[in-house]
Amino acid sequence: MGSVMPSTGLKRALDLALGLPARERAELAQDVLASLDGEADSDSAQAWESEIAERMEKLESGQSTLVDAKDAIRRIDDRLRR
């Protein structure tokens, strides 16, 4: 919370939240963070679904191949060192 004094309501909410079991605190934190994102962008969700479908088609047709994650990270590291 930094150096700003929290309001009484905020302090009370924090005290209540900290009294919850760890699992419930985690769920609460996730919900609070999600509330900051606003509503989901339906156009972006549709675009991602289209992108995923296109990539799956390329994999299934043999136009694309998978790369092992460790190999991909090694390749990226090699390029960054150049």
N, C-alpha and C. Protein backbone atom coordinates (compact mmCIF):
# COMPACT_ATOMS: atom_id res chain seq x y z
N MET A 1 0.80 -1.19 0.00
CA MET A 1 0.00 0.00 0.00
C MET A 1 0.84 1.25 0.00
N GLY A 2 2.14 1.13 0.10
CA GLY A 2 3.01 2.29 0.03
C GLY A 2 2.91 3.15 1.26
N SER A 3 3.21 4.45 1.11
CA SER A 3 3.24 5.34 2.25
C SER A 3 1.91 6.05 2.49
N VAL A 4 0.92 5.84 1.63
CA VAL A 4 -0.37 6.49 1.79
C VAL A 4 -1.18 5.72 2.83
N MET A 5 -1.77 6.44 3.75
CA MET A 5 -2.60 5.81 4.77
C MET A 5 -3.89 5.30 4.14
N PRO A 6 -4.22 4.03 4.35
CA PRO A 6 -5.45 3.50 3.77
C PRO A 6 -6.67 4.08 4.47
N SER A 7 -7.78 4.15 3.72
CA SER A 7 -9.02 4.61 4.33
C SER A 7 -9.47 3.56 5.34
N THR A 8 -10.39 3.95 6.20
CA THR A 8 -10.91 3.02 7.21
C THR A 8 -11.55 1.81 6.54
N GLY A 9 -12.30 2.06 5.47
CA GLY A 9 -12.95 0.95 4.75
C GLY A 9 -11.94 0.01 4.13
N LEU A 10 -10.90 0.57 3.54
CA LEU A 10 -9.86 -0.25 2.93
C LEU A 10 -9.13 -1.06 3.99
N LYS A 11 -8.82 -0.45 5.09
CA LYS A 11 -8.13 -1.14 6.20
C LYS A 11 -8.98 -2.30 6.71
N ARG A 12 -10.27 -2.04 6.85
CA ARG A 12 -11.18 -3.09 7.35
C ARG A 12 -11.26 -4.23 6.34
N ALA A 13 -11.38 -3.90 5.06
CA ALA A 13 -11.45 -4.93 4.03
C ALA A 13 -10.17 -5.76 4.01
N LEU A 14 -9.02 -5.09 4.13
CA LEU A 14 -7.75 -5.81 4.15
C LEU A 14 -7.65 -6.72 5.36
N ASP A 15 -8.06 -6.23 6.52
CA ASP A 15 -8.03 -7.06 7.72
C ASP A 15 -8.91 -8.30 7.56
N LEU A 16 -10.10 -8.11 6.97
CA LEU A 16 -11.00 -9.24 6.74
C LEU A 16 -10.39 -10.22 5.75
N ALA A 17 -9.81 -9.68 4.68
CA ALA A 17 -9.21 -10.54 3.66
C ALA A 17 -8.05 -11.35 4.23
N LEU A 18 -7.21 -10.70 5.03
CA LEU A 18 -6.06 -11.39 5.61
C LEU A 18 -6.47 -12.47 6.61
N GLY A 19 -7.69 -12.39 7.10
CA GLY A 19 -8.20 -13.40 8.02
C GLY A 19 -8.73 -14.64 7.32
N LEU A 20 -8.82 -14.60 6.00
CA LEU A 20 -9.32 -15.75 5.23
C LEU A 20 -8.24 -16.81 5.07
N PRO A 21 -8.65 -18.06 4.87
CA PRO A 21 -7.68 -19.11 4.55
C PRO A 21 -6.95 -18.75 3.25
N ALA A 22 -5.76 -19.28 3.05
CA ALA A 22 -4.93 -18.95 1.89
C ALA A 22 -5.66 -19.15 0.57
N ARG A 23 -6.37 -20.24 0.43
CA ARG A 23 -7.08 -20.51 -0.83
C ARG A 23 -8.11 -19.42 -1.12
N GLU A 24 -8.86 -19.02 -0.12
CA GLU A 24 -9.88 -17.98 -0.31
C GLU A 24 -9.23 -16.63 -0.57
N ARG A 25 -8.09 -16.34 0.06
CA ARG A 25 -7.36 -15.10 -0.22
C ARG A 25 -6.91 -15.06 -1.67
N ALA A 26 -6.42 -16.21 -2.16
CA ALA A 26 -5.97 -16.29 -3.54
C ALA A 26 -7.14 -16.06 -4.51
N GLU A 27 -8.28 -16.66 -4.23
CA GLU A 27 -9.45 -16.46 -5.08
C GLU A 27 -9.89 -15.00 -5.05
N LEU A 28 -9.88 -14.40 -3.88
CA LEU A 28 -10.25 -12.99 -3.74
C LEU A 28 -9.29 -12.10 -4.51
N ALA A 29 -8.00 -12.37 -4.38
CA ALA A 29 -6.99 -11.57 -5.09
C ALA A 29 -7.19 -11.69 -6.59
N GLN A 30 -7.47 -12.90 -7.07
CA GLN A 30 -7.68 -13.11 -8.51
C GLN A 30 -8.90 -12.32 -8.97
N ASP A 31 -9.98 -12.36 -8.20
CA ASP A 31 -11.19 -11.63 -8.57
C ASP A 31 -10.96 -10.12 -8.57
N VAL A 32 -10.23 -9.62 -7.59
CA VAL A 32 -9.96 -8.18 -7.52
C VAL A 32 -9.11 -7.76 -8.72
N LEU A 33 -8.06 -8.52 -9.02
CA LEU A 33 -7.22 -8.19 -10.17
C LEU A 33 -8.00 -8.26 -11.48
N ALA A 34 -8.85 -9.26 -11.62
CA ALA A 34 -9.65 -9.39 -12.84
C ALA A 34 -10.60 -8.21 -13.00
N SER A 35 -11.06 -7.66 -11.89
CA SER A 35 -11.99 -6.53 -11.97
C SER A 35 -11.30 -5.28 -12.51
N LEU A 36 -9.98 -5.22 -12.45
CA LEU A 36 -9.24 -4.07 -12.97
C LEU A 36 -9.09 -4.12 -14.48
N ASP A 37 -9.24 -5.31 -15.06
CA ASP A 37 -9.06 -5.49 -16.49
C ASP A 37 -10.23 -4.96 -17.31
N GLY A 38 -11.37 -4.80 -16.69
CA GLY A 38 -12.55 -4.39 -17.44
C GLY A 38 -13.13 -5.58 -18.18
N GLU A 39 -14.08 -5.29 -19.05
CA GLU A 39 -14.74 -6.36 -19.79
C GLU A 39 -13.80 -6.92 -20.85
N ALA A 40 -13.99 -8.20 -21.14
CA ALA A 40 -13.17 -8.85 -22.16
C ALA A 40 -13.51 -8.28 -23.53
N ASP A 41 -12.52 -8.14 -24.35
CA ASP A 41 -12.69 -7.64 -25.71
C ASP A 41 -13.12 -8.81 -26.59
N SER A 42 -14.39 -8.83 -26.99
CA SER A 42 -14.91 -9.97 -27.76
C SER A 42 -14.21 -10.09 -29.11
N ASP A 43 -13.81 -8.97 -29.72
CA ASP A 43 -13.09 -9.03 -30.99
C ASP A 43 -11.75 -9.72 -30.82
N SER A 44 -11.07 -9.42 -29.73
CA SER A 44 -9.76 -10.02 -29.51
C SER A 44 -9.91 -11.51 -29.22
N ALA A 45 -10.92 -11.90 -28.47
CA ALA A 45 -11.14 -13.32 -28.19
C ALA A 45 -11.42 -14.07 -29.49
N GLN A 46 -12.22 -13.48 -30.36
CA GLN A 46 -12.54 -14.11 -31.63
C GLN A 46 -11.29 -14.20 -32.51
N ALA A 47 -10.47 -13.16 -32.50
CA ALA A 47 -9.23 -13.17 -33.28
C ALA A 47 -8.29 -14.27 -32.79
N TRP A 48 -8.19 -14.44 -31.46
CA TRP A 48 -7.32 -15.50 -30.94
C TRP A 48 -7.85 -16.88 -31.32
N GLU A 49 -9.17 -17.06 -31.26
CA GLU A 49 -9.75 -18.35 -31.64
C GLU A 49 -9.44 -18.67 -33.10
N SER A 50 -9.53 -17.65 -33.96
CA SER A 50 -9.21 -17.82 -35.38
C SER A 50 -7.74 -18.17 -35.57
N GLU A 51 -6.86 -17.46 -34.84
CA GLU A 51 -5.42 -17.72 -34.92
C GLU A 51 -5.09 -19.14 -34.47
N ILE A 52 -5.71 -19.57 -33.39
CA ILE A 52 -5.47 -20.93 -32.87
C ILE A 52 -5.93 -21.96 -33.88
N ALA A 53 -7.12 -21.76 -34.47
CA ALA A 53 -7.63 -22.70 -35.46
C ALA A 53 -6.71 -22.77 -36.67
N GLU A 54 -6.21 -21.63 -37.12
CA GLU A 54 -5.31 -21.59 -38.27
C GLU A 54 -4.00 -22.34 -37.96
N ARG A 55 -3.47 -22.12 -36.76
CA ARG A 55 -2.22 -22.80 -36.39
C ARG A 55 -2.43 -24.31 -36.29
N MET A 56 -3.57 -24.72 -35.74
CA MET A 56 -3.86 -26.16 -35.63
C MET A 56 -3.97 -26.79 -37.02
N GLU A 57 -4.62 -26.09 -37.95
CA GLU A 57 -4.72 -26.60 -39.32
C GLU A 57 -3.35 -26.78 -39.95
N LYS A 58 -2.46 -25.80 -39.74
CA LYS A 58 -1.10 -25.89 -40.29
C LYS A 58 -0.33 -27.05 -39.68
N LEU A 59 -0.51 -27.27 -38.38
CA LEU A 59 0.15 -28.41 -37.73
C LEU A 59 -0.36 -29.73 -38.30
N GLU A 60 -1.68 -29.84 -38.39
CA GLU A 60 -2.28 -31.09 -38.86
C GLU A 60 -1.96 -31.38 -40.32
N SER A 61 -1.78 -30.33 -41.14
CA SER A 61 -1.48 -30.53 -42.56
C SER A 61 0.02 -30.69 -42.82
N GLY A 62 0.84 -30.47 -41.79
CA GLY A 62 2.28 -30.60 -41.95
C GLY A 62 2.97 -29.34 -42.42
N GLN A 63 2.22 -28.25 -42.56
CA GLN A 63 2.82 -26.98 -42.99
C GLN A 63 3.66 -26.35 -41.88
N SER A 64 3.38 -26.72 -40.65
CA SER A 64 4.14 -26.23 -39.49
C SER A 64 4.58 -27.41 -38.66
N THR A 65 5.63 -27.20 -37.88
CA THR A 65 6.11 -28.24 -36.97
C THR A 65 6.28 -27.63 -35.58
N LEU A 66 6.26 -28.49 -34.60
CA LEU A 66 6.46 -28.04 -33.22
C LEU A 66 7.95 -27.99 -32.90
N VAL A 67 8.30 -27.10 -31.99
CA VAL A 67 9.68 -26.98 -31.53
C VAL A 67 9.66 -27.19 -30.02
N ASP A 68 10.60 -27.98 -29.53
CA ASP A 68 10.72 -28.20 -28.10
C ASP A 68 10.99 -26.87 -27.40
N ALA A 69 10.33 -26.63 -26.26
CA ALA A 69 10.47 -25.36 -25.55
C ALA A 69 11.92 -25.05 -25.20
N LYS A 70 12.67 -26.05 -24.73
CA LYS A 70 14.07 -25.81 -24.38
C LYS A 70 14.88 -25.38 -25.60
N ASP A 71 14.59 -26.00 -26.74
CA ASP A 71 15.28 -25.65 -27.97
C ASP A 71 14.91 -24.23 -28.40
N ALA A 72 13.64 -23.89 -28.28
CA ALA A 72 13.19 -22.54 -28.65
C ALA A 72 13.86 -21.48 -27.79
N ILE A 73 13.95 -21.73 -26.50
CA ILE A 73 14.59 -20.77 -25.59
C ILE A 73 16.08 -20.65 -25.91
N ARG A 74 16.73 -21.78 -26.22
CA ARG A 74 18.15 -21.75 -26.59
C ARG A 74 18.35 -20.91 -27.85
N ARG A 75 17.48 -21.10 -28.83
CA ARG A 75 17.58 -20.33 -30.08
C ARG A 75 17.40 -18.82 -29.81
N ILE A 76 16.44 -18.50 -28.98
CA ILE A 76 16.21 -17.08 -28.65
C ILE A 76 17.42 -16.50 -27.95
N ASP A 77 17.95 -17.24 -26.97
CA ASP A 77 19.16 -16.78 -26.26
C ASP A 77 20.31 -16.56 -27.23
N ASP A 78 20.50 -17.51 -28.16
CA ASP A 78 21.58 -17.37 -29.16
C ASP A 78 21.41 -16.12 -29.99
N ARG A 79 20.20 -15.83 -30.41
CA ARG A 79 19.95 -14.63 -31.23
C ARG A 79 20.16 -13.35 -30.43
N LEU A 80 19.79 -13.38 -29.18
CA LEU A 80 19.95 -12.18 -28.35
C LEU A 80 21.42 -11.88 -28.06
N ARG A 81 22.25 -12.89 -28.06
CA ARG A 81 23.68 -12.70 -27.78
C ARG A 81 24.43 -12.11 -28.97
N ARG A 82 23.84 -12.18 -30.14
CA ARG A 82 24.52 -11.68 -31.36
C ARG A 82 24.60 -10.18 -31.35
